[in-house]
């Protein structure tokens, strides 16, 4: 049950009990009061959607600030990786740190890709640090409760997924370049064939085409 409904229900019950058993308003009026309290609780405990500021303007000064913040967070990730006792998760976190730096390096060279890394900058990096810090605390305390062990196991699985996500983010930043270069290759091959410098039965390496 969502906390919103639970808290609202408790609030409604409390007001009903007060109205009926303490103030003696009567059963029906007390039900009404309890219902009103429940409705008020639904508004009071309404869950707020997380909003992120993606309104970056692409200019040199702004990019510089964004890159600096990203590098600082990535540095924190690297520092945490050195403190982790579990070798497997430590290795994954080091990989995440490496890929994060590569992503930021690409962004430095291609600031026009800022829009494509909004989630990476505003959510993935800071939340990764937050989760890792909590993991480090629980690991250092040597807690053995069921909840603690489940938390450690869950984070270990999540870190592997984050590692994969960061790699995909890095690959995506090169996708347009790959597509563009492949198009250039096709055009280049066509021109070479037209000028008689490339046999139709041979590829650029001079190897015989498949099936020949």
Protein backbone atom coordinates (compact mmCIF):
# COMPACT_ATOMS: atom_id res chain seq x y z
CA UNK A 1 0.00 0.00 0.00
CA UNK A 2 1.33 3.41 -0.88
CA UNK A 3 2.31 5.58 2.05
CA UNK A 4 -0.11 8.24 0.84
CA UNK A 5 -3.16 6.00 1.31
CA UNK A 6 -1.86 4.55 4.57
CA UNK A 7 -1.22 7.94 6.17
CA UNK A 8 -4.52 9.33 4.90
CA UNK A 9 -6.38 6.33 6.33
CA UNK A 10 -4.72 6.76 9.72
CA UNK A 11 -5.58 10.44 9.66
CA UNK A 12 -9.21 9.67 8.84
CA UNK A 13 -9.47 7.08 11.64
CA UNK A 14 -7.96 9.46 14.19
CA UNK A 15 -10.43 12.20 13.36
CA UNK A 16 -13.31 9.72 13.44
CA UNK A 17 -12.27 8.44 16.89
CA UNK A 18 -11.88 11.96 18.26
CA UNK A 19 -15.23 13.07 16.84
CA UNK A 20 -17.16 9.98 17.96
CA UNK A 21 -15.61 8.97 21.27
CA UNK A 22 -14.31 12.29 22.59
CA UNK A 23 -16.42 15.07 21.11
CA UNK A 24 -19.56 12.85 20.87
CA UNK A 25 -20.70 14.19 17.49
CA UNK A 26 -22.57 11.00 16.69
CA UNK A 27 -21.75 8.18 14.31
CA UNK A 28 -22.77 9.74 10.99
CA UNK A 29 -21.22 13.18 11.66
CA UNK A 30 -18.07 11.45 12.86
CA UNK A 31 -17.93 9.40 9.65
CA UNK A 32 -18.23 12.62 7.67
CA UNK A 33 -15.43 14.23 9.66
CA UNK A 34 -13.29 11.13 9.17
CA UNK A 35 -14.01 11.18 5.44
CA UNK A 36 -13.07 14.83 5.19
CA UNK A 37 -9.85 14.13 7.11
CA UNK A 38 -9.07 11.26 4.73
CA UNK A 39 -9.57 13.53 1.71
CA UNK A 40 -7.39 16.20 3.29
CA UNK A 41 -4.74 13.57 3.92
CA UNK A 42 -4.79 12.52 0.27
CA UNK A 43 -4.01 16.11 -0.68
CA UNK A 44 -1.50 16.60 2.13
CA UNK A 45 0.44 13.42 1.40
CA UNK A 46 0.23 13.72 -2.36
CA UNK A 47 3.38 12.33 -3.92
CA UNK A 48 5.45 14.88 -5.74
CA UNK A 49 6.94 13.95 -9.06
CA UNK A 50 10.67 14.40 -9.30
CA UNK A 51 11.60 17.17 -11.69
CA UNK A 52 15.00 17.75 -13.12
CA UNK A 53 16.42 20.92 -14.57
CA UNK A 54 17.20 20.15 -18.19
CA UNK A 55 17.22 23.77 -19.31
CA UNK A 56 20.87 24.03 -20.21
CA UNK A 57 21.86 26.58 -22.82
CA UNK A 58 24.62 25.39 -25.08
CA UNK A 59 27.39 27.92 -24.64
CA UNK A 60 31.04 27.68 -23.74
CA UNK A 61 30.66 28.99 -20.20
CA UNK A 62 27.75 26.70 -19.38
CA UNK A 63 29.40 23.64 -20.90
CA UNK A 64 32.49 24.35 -18.83
CA UNK A 65 30.42 24.36 -15.63
CA UNK A 66 28.54 21.21 -16.59
CA UNK A 67 31.77 19.37 -17.39
CA UNK A 68 33.37 20.50 -14.13
CA UNK A 69 30.43 19.25 -12.08
CA UNK A 70 30.38 15.95 -13.99
CA UNK A 71 34.11 15.47 -13.41
CA UNK A 72 33.73 16.18 -9.68
CA UNK A 73 30.94 13.60 -9.32
CA UNK A 74 32.93 11.08 -11.36
CA UNK A 75 35.90 11.69 -9.07
CA UNK A 76 33.70 10.85 -6.09
CA UNK A 77 32.69 7.60 -7.78
CA UNK A 78 36.36 6.75 -8.26
CA UNK A 79 37.18 7.49 -4.62
CA UNK A 80 34.33 5.27 -3.43
CA UNK A 81 35.49 2.42 -5.68
CA UNK A 82 38.81 2.39 -3.82
CA UNK A 83 37.00 1.96 -0.49
CA UNK A 84 34.74 -0.92 -1.48
CA UNK A 85 35.65 -4.32 -0.05
CA UNK A 86 33.76 -6.41 -2.59
CA UNK A 87 36.18 -6.80 -5.52
CA UNK A 88 33.46 -7.48 -8.09
CA UNK A 89 31.48 -4.34 -7.37
CA UNK A 90 34.70 -2.34 -7.02
CA UNK A 91 35.73 -3.39 -10.53
CA UNK A 92 32.33 -2.45 -11.93
CA UNK A 93 32.44 0.95 -10.23
CA UNK A 94 35.91 1.61 -11.65
CA UNK A 95 34.53 0.77 -15.11
CA UNK A 96 31.64 3.18 -14.53
CA UNK A 97 34.13 5.87 -13.55
CA UNK A 98 36.18 5.26 -16.70
CA UNK A 99 33.14 5.38 -18.98
CA UNK A 100 31.83 8.49 -17.26
CA UNK A 101 35.11 10.30 -17.96
CA UNK A 102 34.96 9.19 -21.60
CA UNK A 103 31.39 10.49 -21.93
CA UNK A 104 32.42 13.84 -20.48
CA UNK A 105 35.44 13.98 -22.81
CA UNK A 106 33.20 13.41 -25.83
CA UNK A 107 30.81 16.09 -24.57
CA UNK A 108 33.75 18.47 -24.25
CA UNK A 109 34.56 17.90 -27.92
CA UNK A 110 30.94 17.85 -29.04
CA UNK A 111 28.90 20.24 -26.83
CA UNK A 112 26.01 19.97 -29.29
CA UNK A 113 25.32 16.54 -27.75
CA UNK A 114 24.40 18.09 -24.41
CA UNK A 115 20.71 17.39 -24.94
CA UNK A 116 21.38 13.68 -25.42
CA UNK A 117 23.07 13.32 -22.02
CA UNK A 118 20.56 15.17 -19.82
CA UNK A 119 19.63 12.10 -17.78
CA UNK A 120 23.27 11.06 -17.49
CA UNK A 121 24.30 14.43 -16.05
CA UNK A 122 21.27 15.25 -13.94
CA UNK A 123 20.23 11.84 -12.65
CA UNK A 124 22.53 8.91 -13.38
CA UNK A 125 25.71 10.45 -11.95
CA UNK A 126 24.34 12.01 -8.72
CA UNK A 127 22.08 9.07 -7.87
CA UNK A 128 24.91 6.60 -8.54
CA UNK A 129 27.06 8.45 -6.01
CA UNK A 130 24.22 8.54 -3.48
CA UNK A 131 23.61 4.79 -3.76
CA UNK A 132 27.31 3.95 -3.60
CA UNK A 133 27.85 6.08 -0.49
CA UNK A 134 25.05 4.25 1.30
CA UNK A 135 26.40 0.91 0.11
CA UNK A 136 29.84 1.80 1.47
CA UNK A 137 28.35 2.70 4.85
CA UNK A 138 26.38 -0.55 5.15
CA UNK A 139 29.35 -2.60 3.97
CA UNK A 140 31.71 -0.95 6.48
CA UNK A 141 29.32 -1.52 9.37
CA UNK A 142 29.33 -5.26 8.66
CA UNK A 143 25.55 -5.40 9.14
CA UNK A 144 24.09 -8.88 8.86
CA UNK A 145 20.35 -8.23 9.04
CA UNK A 146 18.17 -9.56 6.24
CA UNK A 147 17.36 -6.04 5.02
CA UNK A 148 21.03 -5.06 5.01
CA UNK A 149 22.12 -8.14 3.07
CA UNK A 150 19.27 -7.71 0.59
CA UNK A 151 20.26 -4.07 0.12
CA UNK A 152 23.90 -4.98 -0.60
CA UNK A 153 22.86 -7.67 -3.07
CA UNK A 154 20.40 -5.34 -4.80
CA UNK A 155 23.03 -2.60 -5.18
CA UNK A 156 25.56 -5.09 -6.55
CA UNK A 157 23.09 -6.05 -9.27
CA UNK A 158 22.18 -2.44 -9.95
CA UNK A 159 25.82 -1.38 -10.36
CA UNK A 160 26.26 -3.94 -13.14
CA UNK A 161 23.21 -2.48 -14.90
CA UNK A 162 24.54 1.06 -14.46
CA UNK A 163 27.84 -0.05 -15.99
CA UNK A 164 25.99 -1.36 -19.05
CA UNK A 165 23.88 1.81 -19.25
CA UNK A 166 26.97 4.04 -19.21
CA UNK A 167 28.53 2.02 -22.01
CA UNK A 168 25.37 2.34 -24.11
CA UNK A 169 25.34 6.08 -23.42
CA UNK A 170 28.91 6.31 -24.71
CA UNK A 171 28.07 4.24 -27.81
CA UNK A 172 25.04 6.41 -28.54
CA UNK A 173 27.23 9.50 -28.62
CA UNK A 174 29.14 8.00 -31.57
CA UNK A 175 26.09 6.63 -33.38
CA UNK A 176 25.59 9.66 -35.62
CA UNK A 177 29.30 9.68 -36.53
CA UNK A 178 29.17 6.00 -37.47
CA UNK A 179 26.09 6.49 -39.64
CA UNK A 180 27.63 9.53 -41.31
CA UNK A 181 30.94 7.76 -41.95
CA UNK A 182 29.20 4.68 -43.36
CA UNK A 183 27.37 6.96 -45.78
CA UNK A 184 30.70 8.54 -46.79
CA UNK A 185 32.15 5.07 -47.38
CA UNK A 186 29.30 4.10 -49.70
CA UNK A 187 29.63 7.32 -51.68
CA UNK A 188 33.42 6.93 -51.85
CA UNK A 189 33.09 3.37 -53.15
CA UNK A 190 30.60 4.52 -55.80
CA UNK A 191 32.94 7.29 -56.98
CA UNK A 192 35.90 4.87 -57.14
CA UNK A 193 33.87 2.47 -59.24
CA UNK A 194 32.69 5.27 -61.52
CA UNK A 195 36.27 6.43 -62.06
CA UNK A 196 37.39 2.89 -62.78
CA UNK A 197 39.60 2.58 -59.72
CA UNK A 198 37.55 -0.16 -58.07
CA UNK A 199 36.43 -3.34 -59.74
CA UNK A 200 32.77 -4.07 -59.05
CA UNK A 201 33.76 -7.58 -58.01
CA UNK A 202 36.35 -6.37 -55.50
CA UNK A 203 36.01 -4.57 -52.22
CA UNK A 204 38.28 -1.77 -50.98
CA UNK A 205 40.79 -4.29 -49.62
CA UNK A 206 41.23 -5.85 -53.03
CA UNK A 207 39.55 -9.05 -51.92
CA UNK A 208 37.19 -10.87 -54.23
CA UNK A 209 33.54 -10.21 -53.45
CA UNK A 210 31.52 -12.97 -51.83
CA UNK A 211 30.25 -15.57 -54.22
CA UNK A 212 32.91 -14.86 -56.84
